[in-house]
Amino acid sequence: MATIEKDMTIGEILDAHMEVAPFFLEMGMHCLGCPASRGETLEQACYVHGVDADEMLERINAALAQDA
């Protein structure tokens, strides 16, 4: 399993691990398919939505580790 990093785009993350989409929906990022959101990095998306990027990264990677 590859580890997700803050500098990865939302598109890269979802293309590899669509199962983490609910994490983005929970933070208010509802247009996951639009080109603008897919081109944002995880860190940028968290900043715009007022979410701590380190906490989000930890949650996503923990969930992926459980599924591995």
PDB file of N, CA and C in Angstrom:
ATOM      1  N   MET A   1       0.834  -1.179   0.000  1.00  0.00           N
ATOM      2  CA  MET A   1       0.000   0.000   0.000  1.00  0.00           C
ATOM      3  C   MET A   1       0.884   1.250   0.000  1.00  0.00           C
ATOM      4  N   ALA A   2       0.572   2.155  -0.894  1.00  0.00           N
ATOM      5  CA  ALA A   2       1.299   3.417  -0.941  1.00  0.00           C
ATOM      6  C   ALA A   2       0.732   4.364   0.102  1.00  0.00           C
ATOM      7  N   THR A   3       1.598   5.130   0.724  1.00  0.00           N
ATOM      8  CA  THR A   3       1.174   6.106   1.716  1.00  0.00           C
ATOM      9  C   THR A   3       0.733   7.374   1.007  1.00  0.00           C
ATOM     10  N   ILE A   4      -0.364   7.945   1.456  1.00  0.00           N
ATOM     11  CA  ILE A   4      -0.852   9.202   0.927  1.00  0.00           C
ATOM     12  C   ILE A   4      -0.035  10.332   1.550  1.00  0.00           C
ATOM     13  N   GLU A   5       0.313  11.311   0.748  1.00  0.00           N
ATOM     14  CA  GLU A   5       1.085  12.472   1.199  1.00  0.00           C
ATOM     15  C   GLU A   5       0.281  13.743   0.989  1.00  0.00           C
ATOM     16  N   LYS A   6       0.602  14.801   1.729  1.00  0.00           N
ATOM     17  CA  LYS A   6      -0.131  16.071   1.640  1.00  0.00           C
ATOM     18  C   LYS A   6      -0.005  16.741   0.276  1.00  0.00           C
ATOM     19  N   ASP A   7       1.070  16.468  -0.442  1.00  0.00           N
ATOM     20  CA  ASP A   7       1.263  17.122  -1.734  1.00  0.00           C
ATOM     21  C   ASP A   7       0.628  16.363  -2.897  1.00  0.00           C
ATOM     22  N   MET A   8      -0.036  15.251  -2.610  1.00  0.00           N
ATOM     23  CA  MET A   8      -0.762  14.518  -3.654  1.00  0.00           C
ATOM     24  C   MET A   8      -2.070  15.238  -3.967  1.00  0.00           C
ATOM     25  N   THR A   9      -2.474  15.198  -5.230  1.00  0.00           N
ATOM     26  CA  THR A   9      -3.741  15.837  -5.586  1.00  0.00           C
ATOM     27  C   THR A   9      -4.913  14.942  -5.187  1.00  0.00           C
ATOM     28  N   ILE A  10      -6.062  15.584  -5.035  1.00  0.00           N
ATOM     29  CA  ILE A  10      -7.274  14.837  -4.713  1.00  0.00           C
ATOM     30  C   ILE A  10      -7.539  13.806  -5.806  1.00  0.00           C
ATOM     31  N   GLY A  11      -7.314  14.196  -7.058  1.00  0.00           N
ATOM     32  CA  GLY A  11      -7.498  13.276  -8.182  1.00  0.00           C
ATOM     33  C   GLY A  11      -6.612  12.047  -8.065  1.00  0.00           C
ATOM     34  N   GLU A  12      -5.337  12.238  -7.735  1.00  0.00           N
ATOM     35  CA  GLU A  12      -4.416  11.104  -7.572  1.00  0.00           C
ATOM     36  C   GLU A  12      -4.879  10.182  -6.451  1.00  0.00           C
ATOM     37  N   ILE A  13      -5.302  10.786  -5.352  1.00  0.00           N
ATOM     38  CA  ILE A  13      -5.736   9.995  -4.193  1.00  0.00           C
ATOM     39  C   ILE A  13      -6.973   9.182  -4.544  1.00  0.00           C
ATOM     40  N   LEU A  14      -7.972   9.827  -5.143  1.00  0.00           N
ATOM     41  CA  LEU A  14      -9.216   9.131  -5.455  1.00  0.00           C
ATOM     42  C   LEU A  14      -9.042   8.100  -6.561  1.00  0.00           C
ATOM     43  N   ASP A  15      -8.186   8.374  -7.534  1.00  0.00           N
ATOM     44  CA  ASP A  15      -7.937   7.393  -8.592  1.00  0.00           C
ATOM     45  C   ASP A  15      -7.345   6.109  -8.017  1.00  0.00           C
ATOM     46  N   ALA A  16      -6.505   6.252  -7.011  1.00  0.00           N
ATOM     47  CA  ALA A  16      -5.860   5.090  -6.395  1.00  0.00           C
ATOM     48  C   ALA A  16      -6.696   4.454  -5.295  1.00  0.00           C
ATOM     49  N   HIS A  17      -7.515   5.272  -4.591  1.00  0.00           N
ATOM     50  CA  HIS A  17      -8.234   4.793  -3.406  1.00  0.00           C
ATOM     51  C   HIS A  17      -9.607   5.461  -3.297  1.00  0.00           C
ATOM     52  N   MET A  18     -10.513   5.121  -4.179  1.00  0.00           N
ATOM     53  CA  MET A  18     -11.845   5.733  -4.180  1.00  0.00           C
ATOM     54  C   MET A  18     -12.559   5.522  -2.839  1.00  0.00           C
ATOM     55  N   GLU A  19     -12.151   4.520  -2.086  1.00  0.00           N
ATOM     56  CA  GLU A  19     -12.801   4.230  -0.808  1.00  0.00           C
ATOM     57  C   GLU A  19     -12.612   5.333   0.232  1.00  0.00           C
ATOM     58  N   VAL A  20     -11.693   6.264   0.001  1.00  0.00           N
ATOM     59  CA  VAL A  20     -11.498   7.355   0.959  1.00  0.00           C
ATOM     60  C   VAL A  20     -12.347   8.587   0.620  1.00  0.00           C
ATOM     61  N   ALA A  21     -13.153   8.523  -0.418  1.00  0.00           N
ATOM     62  CA  ALA A  21     -14.018   9.647  -0.798  1.00  0.00           C
ATOM     63  C   ALA A  21     -14.855  10.164   0.375  1.00  0.00           C
ATOM     64  N   PRO A  22     -15.398   9.297   1.239  1.00  0.00           N
ATOM     65  CA  PRO A  22     -16.188   9.810   2.371  1.00  0.00           C
ATOM     66  C   PRO A  22     -15.427  10.783   3.275  1.00  0.00           C
ATOM     67  N   PHE A  23     -14.123  10.646   3.388  1.00  0.00           N
ATOM     68  CA  PHE A  23     -13.342  11.580   4.204  1.00  0.00           C
ATOM     69  C   PHE A  23     -13.437  12.990   3.636  1.00  0.00           C
ATOM     70  N   PHE A  24     -13.402  13.090   2.317  1.00  0.00           N
ATOM     71  CA  PHE A  24     -13.501  14.401   1.669  1.00  0.00           C
ATOM     72  C   PHE A  24     -14.920  14.951   1.761  1.00  0.00           C
ATOM     73  N   LEU A  25     -15.889  14.082   1.615  1.00  0.00           N
ATOM     74  CA  LEU A  25     -17.284  14.517   1.732  1.00  0.00           C
ATOM     75  C   LEU A  25     -17.572  15.028   3.142  1.00  0.00           C
ATOM     76  N   GLU A  26     -17.024  14.365   4.153  1.00  0.00           N
ATOM     77  CA  GLU A  26     -17.226  14.780   5.548  1.00  0.00           C
ATOM     78  C   GLU A  26     -16.680  16.178   5.817  1.00  0.00           C
ATOM     79  N   MET A  27     -15.605  16.561   5.122  1.00  0.00           N
ATOM     80  CA  MET A  27     -15.036  17.883   5.366  1.00  0.00           C
ATOM     81  C   MET A  27     -15.695  18.957   4.515  1.00  0.00           C
ATOM     82  N   GLY A  28     -16.721  18.582   3.756  1.00  0.00           N
ATOM     83  CA  GLY A  28     -17.473  19.556   2.979  1.00  0.00           C
ATOM     84  C   GLY A  28     -17.042  19.684   1.533  1.00  0.00           C
ATOM     85  N   MET A  29     -16.196  18.788   1.088  1.00  0.00           N
ATOM     86  CA  MET A  29     -15.725  18.815  -0.297  1.00  0.00           C
ATOM     87  C   MET A  29     -16.654  17.923  -1.120  1.00  0.00           C
ATOM     88  N   HIS A  30     -17.742  18.524  -1.610  1.00  0.00           N
ATOM     89  CA  HIS A  30     -18.797  17.738  -2.246  1.00  0.00           C
ATOM     90  C   HIS A  30     -18.666  17.594  -3.756  1.00  0.00           C
ATOM     91  N   CYS A  31     -17.811  18.352  -4.398  1.00  0.00           N
ATOM     92  CA  CYS A  31     -17.689  18.217  -5.860  1.00  0.00           C
ATOM     93  C   CYS A  31     -16.374  17.520  -6.205  1.00  0.00           C
ATOM     94  N   LEU A  32     -16.257  16.291  -5.791  1.00  0.00           N
ATOM     95  CA  LEU A  32     -15.011  15.546  -5.973  1.00  0.00           C
ATOM     96  C   LEU A  32     -14.676  15.286  -7.431  1.00  0.00           C
ATOM     97  N   GLY A  33     -15.655  15.366  -8.312  1.00  0.00           N
ATOM     98  CA  GLY A  33     -15.408  15.093  -9.718  1.00  0.00           C
ATOM     99  C   GLY A  33     -15.050  16.319 -10.531  1.00  0.00           C
ATOM    100  N   CYS A  34     -15.189  17.508  -9.961  1.00  0.00           N
ATOM    101  CA  CYS A  34     -14.909  18.700 -10.770  1.00  0.00           C
ATOM    102  C   CYS A  34     -13.400  18.876 -10.915  1.00  0.00           C
ATOM    103  N   PRO A  35     -12.959  19.381 -12.082  1.00  0.00           N
ATOM    104  CA  PRO A  35     -11.519  19.504 -12.339  1.00  0.00           C
ATOM    105  C   PRO A  35     -10.776  20.353 -11.301  1.00  0.00           C
ATOM    106  N   ALA A  36     -11.407  21.384 -10.801  1.00  0.00           N
ATOM    107  CA  ALA A  36     -10.728  22.245  -9.826  1.00  0.00           C
ATOM    108  C   ALA A  36     -10.394  21.477  -8.558  1.00  0.00           C
ATOM    109  N   SER A  37     -11.346  20.721  -8.036  1.00  0.00           N
ATOM    110  CA  SER A  37     -11.076  20.003  -6.794  1.00  0.00           C
ATOM    111  C   SER A  37     -10.114  18.846  -7.018  1.00  0.00           C
ATOM    112  N   ARG A  38     -10.196  18.186  -8.146  1.00  0.00           N
ATOM    113  CA  ARG A  38      -9.283  17.068  -8.424  1.00  0.00           C
ATOM    114  C   ARG A  38      -7.843  17.544  -8.567  1.00  0.00           C
ATOM    115  N   GLY A  39      -7.638  18.813  -8.929  1.00  0.00           N
ATOM    116  CA  GLY A  39      -6.299  19.340  -9.110  1.00  0.00           C
ATOM    117  C   GLY A  39      -5.682  19.918  -7.851  1.00  0.00           C
ATOM    118  N   GLU A  40      -6.487  20.074  -6.795  1.00  0.00           N
ATOM    119  CA  GLU A  40      -5.963  20.582  -5.522  1.00  0.00           C
ATOM    120  C   GLU A  40      -5.185  19.491  -4.812  1.00  0.00           C
ATOM    121  N   THR A  41      -4.178  19.901  -4.077  1.00  0.00           N
ATOM    122  CA  THR A  41      -3.483  18.930  -3.231  1.00  0.00           C
ATOM    123  C   THR A  41      -4.336  18.693  -1.980  1.00  0.00           C
ATOM    124  N   LEU A  42      -4.039  17.639  -1.290  1.00  0.00           N
ATOM    125  CA  LEU A  42      -4.730  17.357  -0.030  1.00  0.00           C
ATOM    126  C   LEU A  42      -4.554  18.531   0.924  1.00  0.00           C
ATOM    127  N   GLU A  43      -3.359  19.065   0.986  1.00  0.00           N
ATOM    128  CA  GLU A  43      -3.083  20.183   1.887  1.00  0.00           C
ATOM    129  C   GLU A  43      -3.901  21.422   1.504  1.00  0.00           C
ATOM    130  N   GLN A  44      -3.995  21.730   0.218  1.00  0.00           N
ATOM    131  CA  GLN A  44      -4.777  22.884  -0.236  1.00  0.00           C
ATOM    132  C   GLN A  44      -6.255  22.698   0.081  1.00  0.00           C
ATOM    133  N   ALA A  45      -6.777  21.517  -0.184  1.00  0.00           N
ATOM    134  CA  ALA A  45      -8.194  21.245   0.068  1.00  0.00           C
ATOM    135  C   ALA A  45      -8.513  21.373   1.553  1.00  0.00           C
ATOM    136  N   CYS A  46      -7.648  20.865   2.388  1.00  0.00           N
ATOM    137  CA  CYS A  46      -7.861  20.971   3.835  1.00  0.00           C
ATOM    138  C   CYS A  46      -7.844  22.425   4.274  1.00  0.00           C
ATOM    139  N   TYR A  47      -6.918  23.194   3.749  1.00  0.00           N
ATOM    140  CA  TYR A  47      -6.826  24.607   4.107  1.00  0.00           C
ATOM    141  C   TYR A  47      -8.122  25.340   3.741  1.00  0.00           C
ATOM    142  N   VAL A  48      -8.593  25.135   2.530  1.00  0.00           N
ATOM    143  CA  VAL A  48      -9.802  25.812   2.049  1.00  0.00           C
ATOM    144  C   VAL A  48     -11.021  25.428   2.886  1.00  0.00           C
ATOM    145  N   HIS A  49     -11.052  24.191   3.360  1.00  0.00           N
ATOM    146  CA  HIS A  49     -12.211  23.701   4.103  1.00  0.00           C
ATOM    147  C   HIS A  49     -12.026  23.749   5.620  1.00  0.00           C
ATOM    148  N   GLY A  50     -10.944  24.379   6.083  1.00  0.00           N
ATOM    149  CA  GLY A  50     -10.732  24.555   7.515  1.00  0.00           C
ATOM    150  C   GLY A  50     -10.467  23.271   8.275  1.00  0.00           C
ATOM    151  N   VAL A  51      -9.777  22.347   7.622  1.00  0.00           N
ATOM    152  CA  VAL A  51      -9.480  21.049   8.226  1.00  0.00           C
ATOM    153  C   VAL A  51      -7.968  20.941   8.422  1.00  0.00           C
ATOM    154  N   ASP A  52      -7.542  20.384   9.540  1.00  0.00           N
ATOM    155  CA  ASP A  52      -6.125  20.171   9.790  1.00  0.00           C
ATOM    156  C   ASP A  52      -5.610  19.088   8.839  1.00  0.00           C
ATOM    157  N   ALA A  53      -4.673  19.452   7.971  1.00  0.00           N
ATOM    158  CA  ALA A  53      -4.170  18.529   6.956  1.00  0.00           C
ATOM    159  C   ALA A  53      -3.459  17.327   7.562  1.00  0.00           C
ATOM    160  N   ASP A  54      -2.736  17.541   8.652  1.00  0.00           N
ATOM    161  CA  ASP A  54      -2.033  16.420   9.285  1.00  0.00           C
ATOM    162  C   ASP A  54      -3.017  15.406   9.862  1.00  0.00           C
ATOM    163  N   GLU A  55      -4.094  15.899  10.478  1.00  0.00           N
ATOM    164  CA  GLU A  55      -5.112  14.994  11.025  1.00  0.00           C
ATOM    165  C   GLU A  55      -5.815  14.223   9.907  1.00  0.00           C
ATOM    166  N   MET A  56      -6.142  14.921   8.814  1.00  0.00           N
ATOM    167  CA  MET A  56      -6.800  14.258   7.688  1.00  0.00           C
ATOM    168  C   MET A  56      -5.884  13.201   7.090  1.00  0.00           C
ATOM    169  N   LEU A  57      -4.626  13.535   6.936  1.00  0.00           N
ATOM    170  CA  LEU A  57      -3.654  12.598   6.396  1.00  0.00           C
ATOM    171  C   LEU A  57      -3.549  11.358   7.281  1.00  0.00           C
ATOM    172  N   GLU A  58      -3.514  11.573   8.573  1.00  0.00           N
ATOM    173  CA  GLU A  58      -3.438  10.457   9.519  1.00  0.00           C
ATOM    174  C   GLU A  58      -4.682   9.563   9.422  1.00  0.00           C
ATOM    175  N   ARG A  59      -5.858  10.177   9.335  1.00  0.00           N
ATOM    176  CA  ARG A  59      -7.106   9.408   9.220  1.00  0.00           C
ATOM    177  C   ARG A  59      -7.144   8.577   7.944  1.00  0.00           C
ATOM    178  N   ILE A  60      -6.764   9.196   6.827  1.00  0.00           N
ATOM    179  CA  ILE A  60      -6.796   8.489   5.548  1.00  0.00           C
ATOM    180  C   ILE A  60      -5.800   7.329   5.548  1.00  0.00           C
ATOM    181  N   ASN A  61      -4.574   7.581   5.971  1.00  0.00           N
ATOM    182  CA  ASN A  61      -3.566   6.530   5.961  1.00  0.00           C
ATOM    183  C   ASN A  61      -3.907   5.406   6.942  1.00  0.00           C
ATOM    184  N   ALA A  62      -4.514   5.743   8.071  1.00  0.00           N
ATOM    185  CA  ALA A  62      -4.937   4.713   9.023  1.00  0.00           C
ATOM    186  C   ALA A  62      -6.022   3.836   8.414  1.00  0.00           C
ATOM    187  N   ALA A  63      -6.971   4.445   7.718  1.00  0.00           N
ATOM    188  CA  ALA A  63      -8.045   3.691   7.083  1.00  0.00           C
ATOM    189  C   ALA A  63      -7.493   2.783   5.987  1.00  0.00           C
ATOM    190  N   LEU A  64      -6.556   3.286   5.211  1.00  0.00           N
ATOM    191  CA  LEU A  64      -5.965   2.460   4.166  1.00  0.00           C
ATOM    192  C   LEU A  64      -5.145   1.316   4.745  1.00  0.00           C
ATOM    193  N   ALA A  65      -4.477   1.557   5.853  1.00  0.00           N
ATOM    194  CA  ALA A  65      -3.690   0.492   6.495  1.00  0.00           C
ATOM    195  C   ALA A  65      -4.601  -0.614   7.016  1.00  0.00           C
ATOM    196  N   GLN A  66      -5.780  -0.246   7.512  1.00  0.00           N
ATOM    197  CA  GLN A  66      -6.739  -1.238   7.998  1.00  0.00           C
ATOM    198  C   GLN A  66      -7.254  -2.112   6.876  1.00  0.00           C
ATOM    199  N   ASP A  67      -7.435  -1.506   5.699  1.00  0.00           N
ATOM    200  CA  ASP A  67      -7.964  -2.244   4.559  1.00  0.00           C
ATOM    201  C   ASP A  67      -6.923  -3.124   3.903  1.00  0.00           C
ATOM    202  N   ALA A  68      -5.647  -2.879   4.198  1.00  0.00           N
ATOM    203  CA  ALA A  68      -4.565  -3.635   3.542  1.00  0.00           C
ATOM    204  C   ALA A  68      -4.466  -5.055   4.050  1.00  0.00           C
TER     205      ALA A  68
END
